Amino acid sequence: MSTSFRANPVGIEALKRSEDVREILEKVAKEAATEAQGIARMEAYDTGSYHDSIEGSAEIEGVGATGYLNAFDYKANWIEFGYRSVPGKAILRRAMESIVGTTNMRQR
């Protein structure tokens, strides 16, 4: 015996924009922020300003809910991507990957 169903595309779009999905993404982003702060503490903890600037959040925008992992310190780009001959540490990417396994991340 089998049962099949066809997803309602309107329902799927509504689900993407739901507050429940946003809350789940925010929880994941905050877990990733905690992980990133741990990595930053070990690898980039000069004054703690980079560590302290890491935040996880989520919001509903356009087509659906989106989770964010951000670092707001002025040297965040250098730490993440490197500078001149110093390689980047990819702290935010590594933290998110450790929480969710693989990522479909867009860096901005």
PDB file of N, CA and C in Angstrom:
ATOM      1  N   MET A   1       0.836  -1.165   0.000  1.00  0.00           N
ATOM      2  CA  MET A   1       0.000   0.000   0.000  1.00  0.00           C
ATOM      3  C   MET A   1       0.886   1.234   0.000  1.00  0.00           C
ATOM      4  N   SER A   2       0.468   2.259  -0.703  1.00  0.00           N
ATOM      5  CA  SER A   2       1.232   3.509  -0.687  1.00  0.00           C
ATOM      6  C   SER A   2       0.267   4.681  -0.709  1.00  0.00           C
ATOM      7  N   THR A   3       0.770   5.755  -0.258  1.00  0.00           N
ATOM      8  CA  THR A   3       0.010   6.996  -0.265  1.00  0.00           C
ATOM      9  C   THR A   3       0.894   8.051  -0.898  1.00  0.00           C
ATOM     10  N   SER A   4       0.325   8.865  -1.712  1.00  0.00           N
ATOM     11  CA  SER A   4       1.127   9.929  -2.308  1.00  0.00           C
ATOM     12  C   SER A   4       0.432  11.266  -2.081  1.00  0.00           C
ATOM     13  N   PHE A   5       1.195  12.303  -2.215  1.00  0.00           N
ATOM     14  CA  PHE A   5       0.634  13.640  -2.094  1.00  0.00           C
ATOM     15  C   PHE A   5       1.402  14.564  -3.005  1.00  0.00           C
ATOM     16  N   ARG A   6       0.794  15.626  -3.360  1.00  0.00           N
ATOM     17  CA  ARG A   6       1.441  16.644  -4.168  1.00  0.00           C
ATOM     18  C   ARG A   6       1.464  17.913  -3.326  1.00  0.00           C
ATOM     19  N   ALA A   7       2.647  18.459  -3.143  1.00  0.00           N
ATOM     20  CA  ALA A   7       2.777  19.668  -2.322  1.00  0.00           C
ATOM     21  C   ALA A   7       2.067  20.836  -2.988  1.00  0.00           C
ATOM     22  N   ASN A   8       1.420  21.620  -2.189  1.00  0.00           N
ATOM     23  CA  ASN A   8       0.745  22.819  -2.666  1.00  0.00           C
ATOM     24  C   ASN A   8       1.792  23.922  -2.796  1.00  0.00           C
ATOM     25  N   PRO A   9       2.095  24.384  -4.013  1.00  0.00           N
ATOM     26  CA  PRO A   9       3.148  25.403  -4.156  1.00  0.00           C
ATOM     27  C   PRO A   9       2.851  26.688  -3.396  1.00  0.00           C
ATOM     28  N   VAL A  10       1.594  27.038  -3.265  1.00  0.00           N
ATOM     29  CA  VAL A  10       1.243  28.234  -2.488  1.00  0.00           C
ATOM     30  C   VAL A  10       1.560  27.990  -1.014  1.00  0.00           C
ATOM     31  N   GLY A  11       1.265  26.784  -0.542  1.00  0.00           N
ATOM     32  CA  GLY A  11       1.568  26.430   0.843  1.00  0.00           C
ATOM     33  C   GLY A  11       3.056  26.426   1.128  1.00  0.00           C
ATOM     34  N   ILE A  12       3.852  25.917   0.191  1.00  0.00           N
ATOM     35  CA  ILE A  12       5.312  25.895   0.353  1.00  0.00           C
ATOM     36  C   ILE A  12       5.842  27.326   0.460  1.00  0.00           C
ATOM     37  N   GLU A  13       5.372  28.207  -0.392  1.00  0.00           N
ATOM     38  CA  GLU A  13       5.815  29.610  -0.338  1.00  0.00           C
ATOM     39  C   GLU A  13       5.412  30.263   0.978  1.00  0.00           C
ATOM     40  N   ALA A  14       4.211  29.952   1.447  1.00  0.00           N
ATOM     41  CA  ALA A  14       3.756  30.506   2.729  1.00  0.00           C
ATOM     42  C   ALA A  14       4.614  29.980   3.874  1.00  0.00           C
ATOM     43  N   LEU A  15       4.975  28.701   3.812  1.00  0.00           N
ATOM     44  CA  LEU A  15       5.821  28.109   4.849  1.00  0.00           C
ATOM     45  C   LEU A  15       7.187  28.792   4.892  1.00  0.00           C
ATOM     46  N   LYS A  16       7.779  29.068   3.740  1.00  0.00           N
ATOM     47  CA  LYS A  16       9.087  29.737   3.686  1.00  0.00           C
ATOM     48  C   LYS A  16       9.054  31.090   4.387  1.00  0.00           C
ATOM     49  N   ARG A  17       7.899  31.733   4.362  1.00  0.00           N
ATOM     50  CA  ARG A  17       7.778  33.067   4.972  1.00  0.00           C
ATOM     51  C   ARG A  17       7.183  33.012   6.371  1.00  0.00           C
ATOM     52  N   SER A  18       7.103  31.823   6.961  1.00  0.00           N
ATOM     53  CA  SER A  18       6.455  31.701   8.266  1.00  0.00           C
ATOM     54  C   SER A  18       7.396  32.095   9.402  1.00  0.00           C
ATOM     55  N   GLU A  19       6.802  32.528  10.480  1.00  0.00           N
ATOM     56  CA  GLU A  19       7.558  32.904  11.674  1.00  0.00           C
ATOM     57  C   GLU A  19       8.241  31.679  12.280  1.00  0.00           C
ATOM     58  N   ASP A  20       7.626  30.501  12.165  1.00  0.00           N
ATOM     59  CA  ASP A  20       8.232  29.278  12.701  1.00  0.00           C
ATOM     60  C   ASP A  20       9.552  28.963  12.010  1.00  0.00           C
ATOM     61  N   VAL A  21       9.577  29.085  10.691  1.00  0.00           N
ATOM     62  CA  VAL A  21      10.817  28.834   9.945  1.00  0.00           C
ATOM     63  C   VAL A  21      11.860  29.871  10.320  1.00  0.00           C
ATOM     64  N   ARG A  22      11.467  31.132  10.443  1.00  0.00           N
ATOM     65  CA  ARG A  22      12.415  32.174  10.850  1.00  0.00           C
ATOM     66  C   ARG A  22      13.017  31.860  12.212  1.00  0.00           C
ATOM     67  N   GLU A  23      12.194  31.397  13.156  1.00  0.00           N
ATOM     68  CA  GLU A  23      12.685  31.065  14.494  1.00  0.00           C
ATOM     69  C   GLU A  23      13.680  29.898  14.453  1.00  0.00           C
ATOM     70  N   ILE A  24      13.410  28.903  13.630  1.00  0.00           N
ATOM     71  CA  ILE A  24      14.337  27.773  13.496  1.00  0.00           C
ATOM     72  C   ILE A  24      15.664  28.255  12.925  1.00  0.00           C
ATOM     73  N   LEU A  25      15.613  29.065  11.878  1.00  0.00           N
ATOM     74  CA  LEU A  25      16.847  29.587  11.290  1.00  0.00           C
ATOM     75  C   LEU A  25      17.607  30.464  12.272  1.00  0.00           C
ATOM     76  N   GLU A  26      16.892  31.237  13.068  1.00  0.00           N
ATOM     77  CA  GLU A  26      17.563  32.079  14.063  1.00  0.00           C
ATOM     78  C   GLU A  26      18.265  31.215  15.116  1.00  0.00           C
ATOM     79  N   LYS A  27      17.626  30.134  15.534  1.00  0.00           N
ATOM     80  CA  LYS A  27      18.249  29.233  16.508  1.00  0.00           C
ATOM     81  C   LYS A  27      19.532  28.633  15.931  1.00  0.00           C
ATOM     82  N   VAL A  28      19.489  28.195  14.682  1.00  0.00           N
ATOM     83  CA  VAL A  28      20.678  27.638  14.034  1.00  0.00           C
ATOM     84  C   VAL A  28      21.764  28.705  13.907  1.00  0.00           C
ATOM     85  N   ALA A  29      21.384  29.916  13.509  1.00  0.00           N
ATOM     86  CA  ALA A  29      22.364  30.997  13.359  1.00  0.00           C
ATOM     87  C   ALA A  29      23.011  31.357  14.692  1.00  0.00           C
ATOM     88  N   LYS A  30      22.240  31.345  15.775  1.00  0.00           N
ATOM     89  CA  LYS A  30      22.809  31.646  17.092  1.00  0.00           C
ATOM     90  C   LYS A  30      23.744  30.533  17.563  1.00  0.00           C
ATOM     91  N   GLU A  31      23.412  29.274  17.248  1.00  0.00           N
ATOM     92  CA  GLU A  31      24.319  28.166  17.564  1.00  0.00           C
ATOM     93  C   GLU A  31      25.624  28.325  16.789  1.00  0.00           C
ATOM     94  N   ALA A  32      25.509  28.697  15.517  1.00  0.00           N
ATOM     95  CA  ALA A  32      26.700  28.914  14.697  1.00  0.00           C
ATOM     96  C   ALA A  32      27.513  30.089  15.223  1.00  0.00           C
ATOM     97  N   ALA A  33      26.861  31.126  15.725  1.00  0.00           N
ATOM     98  CA  ALA A  33      27.582  32.273  16.294  1.00  0.00           C
ATOM     99  C   ALA A  33      28.387  31.842  17.518  1.00  0.00           C
ATOM    100  N   THR A  34      27.794  31.011  18.358  1.00  0.00           N
ATOM    101  CA  THR A  34      28.511  30.504  19.531  1.00  0.00           C
ATOM    102  C   THR A  34      29.722  29.674  19.100  1.00  0.00           C
ATOM    103  N   GLU A  35      29.532  28.838  18.080  1.00  0.00           N
ATOM    104  CA  GLU A  35      30.642  28.041  17.541  1.00  0.00           C
ATOM    105  C   GLU A  35      31.725  28.942  16.964  1.00  0.00           C
ATOM    106  N   ALA A  36      31.328  29.957  16.208  1.00  0.00           N
ATOM    107  CA  ALA A  36      32.289  30.887  15.608  1.00  0.00           C
ATOM    108  C   ALA A  36      33.064  31.645  16.684  1.00  0.00           C
ATOM    109  N   GLN A  37      32.385  32.028  17.758  1.00  0.00           N
ATOM    110  CA  GLN A  37      33.075  32.723  18.849  1.00  0.00           C
ATOM    111  C   GLN A  37      34.121  31.807  19.488  1.00  0.00           C
ATOM    112  N   GLY A  38      33.813  30.527  19.593  1.00  0.00           N
ATOM    113  CA  GLY A  38      34.793  29.577  20.127  1.00  0.00           C
ATOM    114  C   GLY A  38      36.018  29.461  19.234  1.00  0.00           C
ATOM    115  N   ILE A  39      35.785  29.373  17.932  1.00  0.00           N
ATOM    116  CA  ILE A  39      36.905  29.313  16.981  1.00  0.00           C
ATOM    117  C   ILE A  39      37.687  30.622  17.030  1.00  0.00           C
ATOM    118  N   ALA A  40      36.987  31.740  17.050  1.00  0.00           N
ATOM    119  CA  ALA A  40      37.651  33.048  17.086  1.00  0.00           C
ATOM    120  C   ALA A  40      38.494  33.196  18.343  1.00  0.00           C
ATOM    121  N   ARG A  41      37.995  32.681  19.454  1.00  0.00           N
ATOM    122  CA  ARG A  41      38.744  32.771  20.712  1.00  0.00           C
ATOM    123  C   ARG A  41      40.096  32.061  20.580  1.00  0.00           C
ATOM    124  N   MET A  42      40.107  30.935  19.849  1.00  0.00           N
ATOM    125  CA  MET A  42      41.349  30.174  19.686  1.00  0.00           C
ATOM    126  C   MET A  42      42.255  30.761  18.604  1.00  0.00           C
ATOM    127  N   GLU A  43      41.665  31.303  17.533  1.00  0.00           N
ATOM    128  CA  GLU A  43      42.466  31.661  16.364  1.00  0.00           C
ATOM    129  C   GLU A  43      42.599  33.157  16.095  1.00  0.00           C
ATOM    130  N   ALA A  44      41.741  33.984  16.662  1.00  0.00           N
ATOM    131  CA  ALA A  44      41.762  35.415  16.319  1.00  0.00           C
ATOM    132  C   ALA A  44      41.402  36.270  17.522  1.00  0.00           C
ATOM    133  N   TYR A  45      41.956  35.969  18.664  1.00  0.00           N
ATOM    134  CA  TYR A  45      41.545  36.654  19.892  1.00  0.00           C
ATOM    135  C   TYR A  45      42.618  37.623  20.348  1.00  0.00           C
ATOM    136  N   ASP A  46      42.804  38.703  19.623  1.00  0.00           N
ATOM    137  CA  ASP A  46      43.791  39.684  20.060  1.00  0.00           C
ATOM    138  C   ASP A  46      43.204  40.589  21.139  1.00  0.00           C
ATOM    139  N   THR A  47      42.145  41.299  20.835  1.00  0.00           N
ATOM    140  CA  THR A  47      41.496  42.153  21.838  1.00  0.00           C
ATOM    141  C   THR A  47      40.114  41.638  22.206  1.00  0.00           C
ATOM    142  N   GLY A  48      39.588  40.709  21.409  1.00  0.00           N
ATOM    143  CA  GLY A  48      38.243  40.195  21.632  1.00  0.00           C
ATOM    144  C   GLY A  48      37.187  40.951  20.856  1.00  0.00           C
ATOM    145  N   SER A  49      37.583  42.007  20.134  1.00  0.00           N
ATOM    146  CA  SER A  49      36.580  42.803  19.415  1.00  0.00           C
ATOM    147  C   SER A  49      35.957  42.025  18.260  1.00  0.00           C
ATOM    148  N   TYR A  50      36.755  41.198  17.575  1.00  0.00           N
ATOM    149  CA  TYR A  50      36.185  40.367  16.505  1.00  0.00           C
ATOM    150  C   TYR A  50      35.234  39.338  17.115  1.00  0.00           C
ATOM    151  N   HIS A  51      35.695  38.652  18.139  1.00  0.00           N
ATOM    152  CA  HIS A  51      34.881  37.647  18.844  1.00  0.00           C
ATOM    153  C   HIS A  51      33.559  38.249  19.300  1.00  0.00           C
ATOM    154  N   ASP A  52      33.625  39.416  19.909  1.00  0.00           N
ATOM    155  CA  ASP A  52      32.425  40.057  20.454  1.00  0.00           C
ATOM    156  C   ASP A  52      31.467  40.554  19.374  1.00  0.00           C
ATOM    157  N   SER A  53      31.961  40.726  18.149  1.00  0.00           N
ATOM    158  CA  SER A  53      31.112  41.269  17.080  1.00  0.00           C
ATOM    159  C   SER A  53      30.319  40.193  16.330  1.00  0.00           C
ATOM    160  N   ILE A  54      30.534  38.924  16.629  1.00  0.00           N
ATOM    161  CA  ILE A  54      29.868  37.834  15.910  1.00  0.00           C
ATOM    162  C   ILE A  54      28.448  37.655  16.435  1.00  0.00           C
ATOM    163  N   GLU A  55      27.486  37.652  15.492  1.00  0.00           N
ATOM    164  CA  GLU A  55      26.072  37.507  15.847  1.00  0.00           C
ATOM    165  C   GLU A  55      25.361  36.605  14.848  1.00  0.00           C
ATOM    166  N   GLY A  56      24.387  35.859  15.340  1.00  0.00           N
ATOM    167  CA  GLY A  56      23.505  35.081  14.485  1.00  0.00           C
ATOM    168  C   GLY A  56      22.114  35.674  14.537  1.00  0.00           C
ATOM    169  N   SER A  57      21.441  35.723  13.397  1.00  0.00           N
ATOM    170  CA  SER A  57      20.092  36.276  13.348  1.00  0.00           C
ATOM    171  C   SER A  57      19.344  35.676  12.163  1.00  0.00           C
ATOM    172  N   ALA A  58      18.068  35.993  12.061  1.00  0.00           N
ATOM    173  CA  ALA A  58      17.248  35.564  10.924  1.00  0.00           C
ATOM    174  C   ALA A  58      16.135  36.574  10.725  1.00  0.00           C
ATOM    175  N   GLU A  59      15.676  36.680   9.488  1.00  0.00           N
ATOM    176  CA  GLU A  59      14.548  37.559   9.197  1.00  0.00           C
ATOM    177  C   GLU A  59      13.808  37.036   7.979  1.00  0.00           C
ATOM    178  N   ILE A  60      12.594  37.480   7.844  1.00  0.00           N
ATOM    179  CA  ILE A  60      11.791  37.133   6.678  1.00  0.00           C
ATOM    180  C   ILE A  60      11.941  38.268   5.684  1.00  0.00           C
ATOM    181  N   GLU A  61      12.363  37.905   4.477  1.00  0.00           N
ATOM    182  CA  GLU A  61      12.568  38.919   3.451  1.00  0.00           C
ATOM    183  C   GLU A  61      12.228  38.320   2.093  1.00  0.00           C
ATOM    184  N   GLY A  62      11.588  39.054   1.266  1.00  0.00           N
ATOM    185  CA  GLY A  62      11.301  38.625  -0.096  1.00  0.00           C
ATOM    186  C   GLY A  62      10.666  37.248  -0.192  1.00  0.00           C
ATOM    187  N   VAL A  63      11.441  36.278  -0.681  1.00  0.00           N
ATOM    188  CA  VAL A  63      10.907  34.938  -0.955  1.00  0.00           C
ATOM    189  C   VAL A  63      10.819  34.049   0.271  1.00  0.00           C
ATOM    190  N   GLY A  64      11.439  34.434   1.380  1.00  0.00           N
ATOM    191  CA  GLY A  64      11.346  33.578   2.555  1.00  0.00           C
ATOM    192  C   GLY A  64      12.281  33.985   3.666  1.00  0.00           C
ATOM    193  N   ALA A  65      12.331  33.143   4.681  1.00  0.00           N
ATOM    194  CA  ALA A  65      13.183  33.405   5.837  1.00  0.00           C
ATOM    195  C   ALA A  65      14.639  33.116   5.473  1.00  0.00           C
ATOM    196  N   THR A  66      15.531  33.921   6.015  1.00  0.00           N
ATOM    197  CA  THR A  66      16.960  33.781   5.777  1.00  0.00           C
ATOM    198  C   THR A  66      17.686  33.892   7.104  1.00  0.00           C
ATOM    199  N   GLY A  67      18.657  33.000   7.327  1.00  0.00           N
ATOM    200  CA  GLY A  67      19.495  33.063   8.515  1.00  0.00           C
ATOM    201  C   GLY A  67      20.801  33.767   8.194  1.00  0.00           C
ATOM    202  N   TYR A  68      21.342  34.465   9.170  1.00  0.00           N
ATOM    203  CA  TYR A  68      22.582  35.216   8.981  1.00  0.00           C
ATOM    204  C   TYR A  68      23.573  34.904  10.093  1.00  0.00           C
ATOM    205  N   LEU A  69      24.821  34.813   9.729  1.00  0.00           N
ATOM    206  CA  LEU A  69      25.925  34.751  10.676  1.00  0.00           C
ATOM    207  C   LEU A  69      26.858  35.876  10.274  1.00  0.00           C
ATOM    208  N   ASN A  70      26.979  36.878  11.123  1.00  0.00           N
ATOM    209  CA  ASN A  70      27.736  38.084  10.799  1.00  0.00           C
ATOM    210  C   ASN A  70      28.808  38.361  11.833  1.00  0.00           C
ATOM    211  N   ALA A  71      29.854  39.036  11.368  1.00  0.00           N
ATOM    212  CA  ALA A  71      30.863  39.608  12.249  1.00  0.00           C
ATOM    213  C   ALA A  71      30.980  41.072  11.850  1.00  0.00           C
ATOM    214  N   PHE A  72      30.830  41.972  12.802  1.00  0.00           N
ATOM    215  CA  PHE A  72      30.750  43.397  12.506  1.00  0.00           C
ATOM    216  C   PHE A  72      32.037  44.160  12.806  1.00  0.00           C
ATOM    217  N   ASP A  73      33.050  43.509  13.322  1.00  0.00           N
ATOM    218  CA  ASP A  73      34.311  44.180  13.607  1.00  0.00           C
ATOM    219  C   ASP A  73      34.968  44.620  12.295  1.00  0.00           C
ATOM    220  N   TYR A  74      35.702  45.713  12.315  1.00  0.00           N
ATOM    221  CA  TYR A  74      36.298  46.246  11.091  1.00  0.00           C
ATOM    222  C   TYR A  74      37.275  45.277  10.432  1.00  0.00           C
ATOM    223  N   LYS A  75      37.872  44.365  11.198  1.00  0.00           N
ATOM    224  CA  LYS A  75      38.835  43.433  10.608  1.00  0.00           C
ATOM    225  C   LYS A  75      38.229  42.078  10.241  1.00  0.00           C
ATOM    226  N   ALA A  76      36.899  41.977  10.279  1.00  0.00           N
ATOM    227  CA  ALA A  76      36.232  40.704   9.994  1.00  0.00           C
ATOM    228  C   ALA A  76      36.572  40.176   8.596  1.00  0.00           C
ATOM    229  N   ASN A  77      36.576  41.039   7.582  1.00  0.00           N
ATOM    230  CA  ASN A  77      36.905  40.580   6.230  1.00  0.00           C
ATOM    231  C   ASN A  77      38.325  40.041   6.152  1.00  0.00           C
ATOM    232  N   TRP A  78      39.262  40.682   6.809  1.00  0.00           N
ATOM    233  CA  TRP A  78      40.642  40.214   6.784  1.00  0.00           C
ATOM    234  C   TRP A  78      40.754  38.843   7.466  1.00  0.00           C
ATOM    235  N   ILE A  79      40.068  38.697   8.586  1.00  0.00           N
ATOM    236  CA  ILE A  79      40.128  37.423   9.308  1.00  0.00           C
ATOM    237  C   ILE A  79      39.454  36.323   8.494  1.00  0.00           C
ATOM    238  N   GLU A  80      38.325  36.622   7.899  1.00  0.00           N
ATOM    239  CA  GLU A  80      37.585  35.610   7.139  1.00  0.00           C
ATOM    240  C   GLU A  80      38.278  35.258   5.819  1.00  0.00           C
ATOM    241  N   PHE A  81      38.701  36.255   5.059  1.00  0.00           N
ATOM    242  CA  PHE A  81      39.187  36.031   3.698  1.00  0.00           C
ATOM    243  C   PHE A  81      40.692  36.193   3.526  1.00  0.00           C
ATOM    244  N   GLY A  82      41.386  36.738   4.503  1.00  0.00           N
ATOM    245  CA  GLY A  82      42.826  36.941   4.401  1.00  0.00           C
ATOM    246  C   GLY A  82      43.166  38.341   3.913  1.00  0.00           C
ATOM    247  N   TYR A  83      44.445  38.650   4.010  1.00  0.00           N
ATOM    248  CA  TYR A  83      44.925  39.965   3.599  1.00  0.00           C
ATOM    249  C   TYR A  83      46.359  39.821   3.124  1.00  0.00           C
ATOM    250  N   ARG A  84      46.597  40.238   1.899  1.00  0.00           N
ATOM    251  CA  ARG A  84      47.912  40.119   1.262  1.00  0.00           C
ATOM    252  C   ARG A  84      48.413  38.690   1.364  1.00  0.00           C
ATOM    253  N   SER A  85      49.509  38.457   2.065  1.00  0.00           N
ATOM    254  CA  SER A  85      50.068  37.098   2.121  1.00  0.00           C
ATOM    255  C   SER A  85      49.545  36.284   3.304  1.00  0.00           C
ATOM    256  N   VAL A  86      48.662  36.858   4.108  1.00  0.00           N
ATOM    257  CA  VAL A  86      48.102  36.151   5.266  1.00  0.00           C
ATOM    258  C   VAL A  86      46.806  35.460   4.828  1.00  0.00           C
ATOM    259  N   PRO A  87      46.746  34.137   4.904  1.00  0.00           N
ATOM    260  CA  PRO A  87      45.530  33.448   4.476  1.00  0.00           C
ATOM    261  C   PRO A  87      44.362  33.694   5.422  1.00  0.00           C
ATOM    262  N   GLY A  88      43.161  33.646   4.880  1.00  0.00           N
ATOM    263  CA  GLY A  88      41.966  33.814   5.690  1.00  0.00           C
ATOM    264  C   GLY A  88      41.705  32.592   6.556  1.00  0.00           C
ATOM    265  N   LYS A  89      40.980  32.798   7.639  1.00  0.00           N
ATOM    266  CA  LYS A  89      40.688  31.716   8.576  1.00  0.00           C
ATOM    267  C   LYS A  89      39.302  31.113   8.359  1.00  0.00           C
ATOM    268  N   ALA A  90      38.446  31.762   7.586  1.00  0.00           N
ATOM    269  CA  ALA A  90      37.102  31.259   7.255  1.00  0.00           C
ATOM    270  C   ALA A  90      36.335  30.822   8.507  1.00  0.00           C
ATOM    271  N   ILE A  91      36.402  31.617   9.542  1.00  0.00           N
ATOM    272  CA  ILE A  91      35.794  31.267  10.822  1.00  0.00           C
ATOM    273  C   ILE A  91      34.272  31.154  10.709  1.00  0.00           C
ATOM    274  N   LEU A  92      33.632  32.107  10.066  1.00  0.00           N
ATOM    275  CA  LEU A  92      32.176  32.066   9.960  1.00  0.00           C
ATOM    276  C   LEU A  92      31.719  30.867   9.131  1.00  0.00           C
ATOM    277  N   ARG A  93      32.365  30.631   8.003  1.00  0.00           N
ATOM    278  CA  ARG A  93      32.001  29.498   7.157  1.00  0.00           C
ATOM    279  C   ARG A  93      32.208  28.179   7.888  1.00  0.00           C
ATOM    280  N   ARG A  94      33.341  28.023   8.540  1.00  0.00           N
ATOM    281  CA  ARG A  94      33.636  26.770   9.258  1.00  0.00           C
ATOM    282  C   ARG A  94      32.640  26.546  10.395  1.00  0.00           C
ATOM    283  N   ALA A  95      32.269  27.619  11.084  1.00  0.00           N
ATOM    284  CA  ALA A  95      31.302  27.493  12.181  1.00  0.00           C
ATOM    285  C   ALA A  95      29.949  27.039  11.654  1.00  0.00           C
ATOM    286  N   MET A  96      29.487  27.650  10.577  1.00  0.00           N
ATOM    287  CA  MET A  96      28.193  27.266  10.016  1.00  0.00           C
ATOM    288  C   MET A  96      28.235  25.829   9.507  1.00  0.00           C
ATOM    289  N   GLU A  97      29.313  25.444   8.856  1.00  0.00           N
ATOM    290  CA  GLU A  97      29.434  24.069   8.375  1.00  0.00           C
ATOM    291  C   GLU A  97      29.441  23.070   9.520  1.00  0.00           C
ATOM    292  N   SER A  98      30.028  23.430  10.643  1.00  0.00           N
ATOM    293  CA  SER A  98      30.067  22.502  11.777  1.00  0.00           C
ATOM    294  C   SER A  98      28.689  22.317  12.397  1.00  0.00           C
ATOM    295  N   ILE A  99      27.818  23.314  12.266  1.00  0.00           N
ATOM    296  CA  ILE A  99      26.469  23.228  12.825  1.00  0.00           C
ATOM    297  C   ILE A  99      25.511  22.525  11.870  1.00  0.00           C
ATOM    298  N   VAL A 100      25.543  22.881  10.597  1.00  0.00           N
ATOM    299  CA  VAL A 100      24.561  22.335   9.651  1.00  0.00           C
ATOM    300  C   VAL A 100      25.135  21.314   8.683  1.00  0.00           C
ATOM    301  N   GLY A 101      26.406  21.007   8.773  1.00  0.00           N
ATOM    302  CA  GLY A 101      27.017  20.029   7.883  1.00  0.00           C
ATOM    303  C   GLY A 101      27.546  20.669   6.633  1.00  0.00           C
ATOM    304  N   THR A 102      26.688  20.971   5.726  1.00  0.00           N
ATOM    305  CA  THR A 102      27.097  21.632   4.486  1.00  0.00           C
ATOM    306  C   THR A 102      26.341  22.952   4.409  1.00  0.00           C
ATOM    307  N   THR A 103      26.838  23.853   3.615  1.00  0.00           N
ATOM    308  CA  THR A 103      26.183  25.154   3.564  1.00  0.00           C
ATOM    309  C   THR A 103      25.843  25.554   2.153  1.00  0.00           C
ATOM    310  N   ASN A 104      24.822  26.316   2.042  1.00  0.00           N
ATOM    311  CA  ASN A 104      24.468  26.992   0.806  1.00  0.00           C
ATOM    312  C   ASN A 104      24.555  28.470   1.157  1.00  0.00           C
ATOM    313  N   MET A 105      25.783  28.935   1.332  1.00  0.00           N
ATOM    314  CA  MET A 105      25.971  30.275   1.854  1.00  0.00           C
ATOM    315  C   MET A 105      26.304  31.252   0.742  1.00  0.00           C
ATOM    316  N   ARG A 106      25.823  32.421   0.927  1.00  0.00           N
ATOM    317  CA  ARG A 106      26.137  33.535   0.056  1.00  0.00           C
ATOM    318  C   ARG A 106      26.829  34.553   0.937  1.00  0.00           C
ATOM    319  N   GLN A 107      28.029  34.894   0.579  1.00  0.00           N
ATOM    320  CA  GLN A 107      28.755  35.857   1.395  1.00  0.00           C
ATOM    321  C   GLN A 107      28.537  37.244   0.822  1.00  0.00           C
ATOM    322  N   ARG A 108      28.286  38.177   1.702  1.00  0.00           N
ATOM    323  CA  ARG A 108      28.074  39.552   1.252  1.00  0.00           C
ATOM    324  C   ARG A 108      28.744  40.521   2.162  1.00  0.00           C
TER     325      ARG A 108
END
